[in-house]
Amino acid sequence: MSAYDTLLYDVTDGVAVITFNRHEARNALSRAALADLRAALSVAREDDSIGAVVFTGAGEKAFVAGADISQLRSSSLHTGSSRRCSAPSTRWSRSRSRRSPQ
């Protein structure tokens, strides 16, 4: 039995197997899936009997399709917060204009 809504978690012979279990969405990474993944990895990290973690995806079509695009419209790609992405940072343009060390 899994304690996660979007993942299956199993440990056999020192190997934790994390299965992304949203096959209807090609295992797209939703906020809930990412929260479940963080929690599962924390459990694996704390268990001294685990020597390896294997990731797999449920279903026949995809391992993980990527981000759940239905949630991207209202989220920042960098923070996952509920705000739209802002204009490109001026830090990038300033860093490109600096001279290289010689």
N, C-alpha and C. Protein backbone atom coordinates (compact mmCIF):
# COMPACT_ATOMS: atom_id res chain seq x y z
N MET A 1 0.83 -1.18 0.00
CA MET A 1 0.00 0.00 0.00
C MET A 1 0.89 1.25 0.00
N SER A 2 0.49 2.23 -0.80
CA SER A 2 1.27 3.45 -0.92
C SER A 2 0.65 4.56 -0.10
N ALA A 3 1.50 5.36 0.53
CA ALA A 3 1.02 6.49 1.33
C ALA A 3 0.95 7.76 0.50
N TYR A 4 1.11 7.66 -0.80
CA TYR A 4 1.17 8.82 -1.68
C TYR A 4 0.01 8.79 -2.68
N ASP A 5 -0.44 9.97 -3.07
CA ASP A 5 -1.55 10.07 -4.03
C ASP A 5 -1.11 9.84 -5.47
N THR A 6 0.13 10.20 -5.80
CA THR A 6 0.57 10.18 -7.20
C THR A 6 1.73 9.24 -7.47
N LEU A 7 2.22 8.58 -6.43
CA LEU A 7 3.36 7.67 -6.57
C LEU A 7 3.05 6.34 -5.92
N LEU A 8 3.76 5.33 -6.38
CA LEU A 8 3.82 4.05 -5.68
C LEU A 8 5.23 3.95 -5.14
N TYR A 9 5.38 3.46 -3.92
CA TYR A 9 6.69 3.36 -3.27
C TYR A 9 6.83 1.97 -2.70
N ASP A 10 7.92 1.30 -3.08
CA ASP A 10 8.14 -0.06 -2.61
C ASP A 10 9.63 -0.24 -2.35
N VAL A 11 9.96 -1.00 -1.33
CA VAL A 11 11.36 -1.32 -1.03
C VAL A 11 11.52 -2.83 -1.03
N THR A 12 12.48 -3.30 -1.83
CA THR A 12 12.80 -4.72 -1.89
C THR A 12 14.31 -4.87 -1.94
N ASP A 13 14.86 -5.67 -1.04
CA ASP A 13 16.29 -5.97 -1.02
C ASP A 13 17.17 -4.72 -1.08
N GLY A 14 16.81 -3.70 -0.31
CA GLY A 14 17.63 -2.48 -0.24
C GLY A 14 17.45 -1.52 -1.40
N VAL A 15 16.47 -1.76 -2.26
CA VAL A 15 16.22 -0.89 -3.41
C VAL A 15 14.82 -0.30 -3.28
N ALA A 16 14.75 1.03 -3.24
CA ALA A 16 13.45 1.71 -3.23
C ALA A 16 13.04 1.94 -4.68
N VAL A 17 11.83 1.55 -5.01
CA VAL A 17 11.29 1.78 -6.36
C VAL A 17 10.17 2.80 -6.24
N ILE A 18 10.36 3.93 -6.90
CA ILE A 18 9.36 4.98 -6.93
C ILE A 18 8.74 4.98 -8.32
N THR A 19 7.44 4.73 -8.38
CA THR A 19 6.72 4.67 -9.65
C THR A 19 5.78 5.87 -9.75
N PHE A 20 6.01 6.71 -10.74
CA PHE A 20 5.09 7.81 -11.01
C PHE A 20 3.79 7.18 -11.49
N ASN A 21 2.69 7.47 -10.83
CA ASN A 21 1.45 6.74 -11.06
C ASN A 21 0.32 7.68 -11.50
N ARG A 22 0.57 8.41 -12.58
CA ARG A 22 -0.46 9.25 -13.19
C ARG A 22 -0.52 8.91 -14.67
N HIS A 23 -0.66 7.63 -14.98
CA HIS A 23 -0.60 7.19 -16.37
C HIS A 23 -1.63 7.87 -17.26
N GLU A 24 -2.77 8.27 -16.70
CA GLU A 24 -3.78 8.97 -17.50
C GLU A 24 -3.28 10.33 -17.99
N ALA A 25 -2.27 10.89 -17.31
CA ALA A 25 -1.67 12.17 -17.70
C ALA A 25 -0.23 11.96 -18.16
N ARG A 26 0.08 10.74 -18.58
CA ARG A 26 1.44 10.37 -18.99
C ARG A 26 2.47 10.70 -17.91
N ASN A 27 2.03 10.56 -16.67
CA ASN A 27 2.89 10.76 -15.49
C ASN A 27 3.47 12.17 -15.41
N ALA A 28 2.71 13.14 -15.91
CA ALA A 28 3.15 14.54 -15.84
C ALA A 28 3.36 14.95 -14.39
N LEU A 29 4.35 15.78 -14.17
CA LEU A 29 4.71 16.20 -12.82
C LEU A 29 3.86 17.38 -12.36
N SER A 30 2.85 17.09 -11.59
CA SER A 30 1.98 18.10 -11.00
C SER A 30 2.61 18.57 -9.69
N ARG A 31 2.02 19.59 -9.09
CA ARG A 31 2.49 20.03 -7.77
C ARG A 31 2.38 18.90 -6.76
N ALA A 32 1.27 18.16 -6.83
CA ALA A 32 1.08 17.04 -5.89
C ALA A 32 2.12 15.95 -6.12
N ALA A 33 2.44 15.67 -7.39
CA ALA A 33 3.45 14.65 -7.68
C ALA A 33 4.82 15.07 -7.17
N LEU A 34 5.15 16.34 -7.33
CA LEU A 34 6.45 16.82 -6.84
C LEU A 34 6.51 16.78 -5.31
N ALA A 35 5.40 17.11 -4.65
CA ALA A 35 5.36 17.03 -3.19
C ALA A 35 5.50 15.57 -2.73
N ASP A 36 4.81 14.66 -3.42
CA ASP A 36 4.94 13.24 -3.09
C ASP A 36 6.36 12.76 -3.33
N LEU A 37 6.98 13.20 -4.42
CA LEU A 37 8.35 12.80 -4.71
C LEU A 37 9.31 13.28 -3.63
N ARG A 38 9.18 14.53 -3.22
CA ARG A 38 10.03 15.04 -2.14
C ARG A 38 9.87 14.20 -0.87
N ALA A 39 8.63 13.88 -0.54
CA ALA A 39 8.36 13.09 0.67
C ALA A 39 8.95 11.68 0.55
N ALA A 40 8.77 11.05 -0.60
CA ALA A 40 9.29 9.69 -0.79
C ALA A 40 10.81 9.67 -0.75
N LEU A 41 11.44 10.66 -1.35
CA LEU A 41 12.90 10.72 -1.31
C LEU A 41 13.41 10.98 0.10
N SER A 42 12.68 11.74 0.86
CA SER A 42 13.05 11.97 2.26
C SER A 42 12.98 10.67 3.06
N VAL A 43 11.94 9.89 2.82
CA VAL A 43 11.81 8.59 3.49
C VAL A 43 12.98 7.69 3.10
N ALA A 44 13.30 7.65 1.82
CA ALA A 44 14.40 6.80 1.34
C ALA A 44 15.73 7.26 1.93
N ARG A 45 15.93 8.55 2.02
CA ARG A 45 17.19 9.10 2.55
C ARG A 45 17.38 8.72 4.01
N GLU A 46 16.29 8.68 4.76
CA GLU A 46 16.36 8.37 6.20
C GLU A 46 16.47 6.89 6.49
N ASP A 47 16.20 6.04 5.52
CA ASP A 47 16.22 4.59 5.72
C ASP A 47 17.61 4.05 5.37
N ASP A 48 18.37 3.67 6.37
CA ASP A 48 19.74 3.18 6.16
C ASP A 48 19.80 1.87 5.39
N SER A 49 18.70 1.16 5.29
CA SER A 49 18.70 -0.12 4.56
C SER A 49 18.62 0.09 3.04
N ILE A 50 18.32 1.30 2.61
CA ILE A 50 18.18 1.57 1.17
C ILE A 50 19.52 2.01 0.60
N GLY A 51 19.95 1.28 -0.41
CA GLY A 51 21.22 1.59 -1.08
C GLY A 51 21.05 2.19 -2.45
N ALA A 52 19.83 2.12 -3.01
CA ALA A 52 19.57 2.67 -4.35
C ALA A 52 18.10 3.03 -4.47
N VAL A 53 17.84 4.00 -5.34
CA VAL A 53 16.47 4.39 -5.65
C VAL A 53 16.30 4.27 -7.17
N VAL A 54 15.24 3.60 -7.58
CA VAL A 54 14.92 3.42 -9.00
C VAL A 54 13.62 4.16 -9.29
N PHE A 55 13.60 4.92 -10.38
CA PHE A 55 12.40 5.63 -10.80
C PHE A 55 11.82 4.93 -12.02
N THR A 56 10.50 4.79 -12.03
CA THR A 56 9.81 4.21 -13.17
C THR A 56 8.45 4.90 -13.31
N GLY A 57 7.81 4.67 -14.43
CA GLY A 57 6.51 5.28 -14.67
C GLY A 57 5.46 4.24 -14.97
N ALA A 58 4.25 4.46 -14.48
CA ALA A 58 3.13 3.56 -14.75
C ALA A 58 2.61 3.80 -16.16
N GLY A 59 1.98 2.79 -16.73
CA GLY A 59 1.38 2.93 -18.05
C GLY A 59 2.35 2.57 -19.16
N GLU A 60 1.83 2.61 -20.37
CA GLU A 60 2.58 2.18 -21.55
C GLU A 60 3.13 3.32 -22.40
N LYS A 61 2.67 4.57 -22.16
CA LYS A 61 2.98 5.64 -23.10
C LYS A 61 4.19 6.49 -22.74
N ALA A 62 4.47 6.69 -21.46
CA ALA A 62 5.56 7.61 -21.08
C ALA A 62 6.10 7.28 -19.70
N PHE A 63 7.39 7.50 -19.55
CA PHE A 63 8.00 7.42 -18.21
C PHE A 63 7.50 8.62 -17.41
N VAL A 64 7.86 9.82 -17.83
CA VAL A 64 7.35 11.08 -17.29
C VAL A 64 7.29 12.06 -18.45
N ALA A 65 6.12 12.64 -18.66
CA ALA A 65 5.94 13.56 -19.80
C ALA A 65 6.60 14.91 -19.55
N GLY A 66 6.93 15.23 -18.33
CA GLY A 66 7.47 16.54 -17.99
C GLY A 66 6.51 17.25 -17.04
N ALA A 67 6.56 18.57 -17.06
CA ALA A 67 5.69 19.35 -16.18
C ALA A 67 4.23 19.21 -16.60
N ASP A 68 3.35 19.29 -15.65
CA ASP A 68 1.92 19.26 -15.92
C ASP A 68 1.53 20.64 -16.44
N ILE A 69 1.40 20.77 -17.76
CA ILE A 69 1.19 22.08 -18.37
C ILE A 69 -0.13 22.72 -17.96
N SER A 70 -1.07 21.94 -17.48
CA SER A 70 -2.33 22.54 -17.02
C SER A 70 -2.10 23.41 -15.79
N GLN A 71 -0.98 23.20 -15.09
CA GLN A 71 -0.67 24.00 -13.90
C GLN A 71 0.32 25.11 -14.18
N LEU A 72 0.92 25.15 -15.36
CA LEU A 72 1.95 26.15 -15.65
C LEU A 72 1.39 27.54 -15.88
N ARG A 73 0.18 27.66 -16.31
CA ARG A 73 -0.39 28.98 -16.60
C ARG A 73 -0.38 29.89 -15.38
N SER A 74 -0.47 29.33 -14.20
CA SER A 74 -0.54 30.15 -12.99
C SER A 74 0.67 29.97 -12.09
N SER A 75 1.75 29.43 -12.62
CA SER A 75 2.92 29.17 -11.77
C SER A 75 4.19 29.69 -12.41
N SER A 76 5.12 30.03 -11.56
CA SER A 76 6.47 30.36 -11.99
C SER A 76 7.21 29.05 -12.19
N LEU A 77 7.94 28.91 -13.26
CA LEU A 77 8.70 27.68 -13.49
C LEU A 77 9.79 27.48 -12.46
N HIS A 78 10.29 28.57 -11.90
CA HIS A 78 11.41 28.47 -10.96
C HIS A 78 10.96 28.23 -9.52
N THR A 79 9.82 28.79 -9.15
CA THR A 79 9.41 28.69 -7.76
C THR A 79 8.20 27.81 -7.53
N GLY A 80 7.40 27.58 -8.58
CA GLY A 80 6.18 26.83 -8.40
C GLY A 80 5.10 27.62 -7.70
N SER A 81 5.37 28.90 -7.47
CA SER A 81 4.39 29.72 -6.77
C SER A 81 3.24 30.10 -7.70
N SER A 82 2.18 30.58 -7.11
CA SER A 82 0.98 30.91 -7.88
C SER A 82 1.05 32.33 -8.43
N ARG A 83 2.04 32.61 -9.20
CA ARG A 83 2.12 33.91 -9.86
C ARG A 83 2.71 33.70 -11.24
N ARG A 84 2.41 34.60 -12.10
CA ARG A 84 2.91 34.48 -13.47
C ARG A 84 4.40 34.77 -13.53
N CYS A 85 5.05 34.25 -14.54
CA CYS A 85 6.47 34.53 -14.75
C CYS A 85 6.63 36.00 -15.09
N SER A 86 7.64 36.62 -14.55
CA SER A 86 7.89 38.03 -14.82
C SER A 86 8.82 38.18 -16.02
N ALA A 87 9.08 39.40 -16.38
CA ALA A 87 9.98 39.68 -17.50
C ALA A 87 11.36 39.12 -17.20
N PRO A 88 12.14 38.83 -18.23
CA PRO A 88 13.48 38.30 -18.00
C PRO A 88 14.30 39.20 -17.09
N SER A 89 15.10 38.58 -16.30
CA SER A 89 15.92 39.31 -15.34
C SER A 89 16.97 40.15 -16.04
N THR A 90 17.24 41.31 -15.46
CA THR A 90 18.30 42.16 -16.02
C THR A 90 19.66 41.64 -15.61
N ARG A 91 19.72 40.76 -14.62
CA ARG A 91 21.01 40.20 -14.22
C ARG A 91 21.67 39.45 -15.37
N TRP A 92 20.88 38.74 -16.18
CA TRP A 92 21.45 37.99 -17.29
C TRP A 92 22.11 38.94 -18.28
N SER A 93 21.44 40.03 -18.65
CA SER A 93 22.01 40.94 -19.63
C SER A 93 23.26 41.62 -19.06
N ARG A 94 23.27 41.90 -17.76
CA ARG A 94 24.47 42.50 -17.16
C ARG A 94 25.62 41.51 -17.15
N SER A 95 25.33 40.23 -16.86
CA SER A 95 26.42 39.26 -16.79
C SER A 95 27.01 39.00 -18.17
N ARG A 96 26.22 39.10 -19.22
CA ARG A 96 26.73 38.89 -20.57
C ARG A 96 27.61 40.06 -21.01
N SER A 97 27.40 41.25 -20.46
CA SER A 97 28.16 42.40 -20.91
C SER A 97 29.51 42.54 -20.21
N ARG A 98 29.77 41.75 -19.20
CA ARG A 98 31.04 41.81 -18.49
C ARG A 98 32.14 41.20 -19.33
N ARG A 99 33.32 41.74 -19.18
CA ARG A 99 34.46 41.21 -19.93
C ARG A 99 34.96 39.94 -19.28
N SER A 100 35.44 39.04 -20.08
CA SER A 100 36.01 37.77 -19.59
C SER A 100 37.36 38.03 -18.97
N PRO A 101 37.71 37.27 -17.92
CA PRO A 101 39.06 37.40 -17.35
C PRO A 101 40.09 36.96 -18.38
N GLN A 102 41.22 37.64 -18.37
CA GLN A 102 42.26 37.29 -19.36
C GLN A 102 43.47 36.68 -18.74
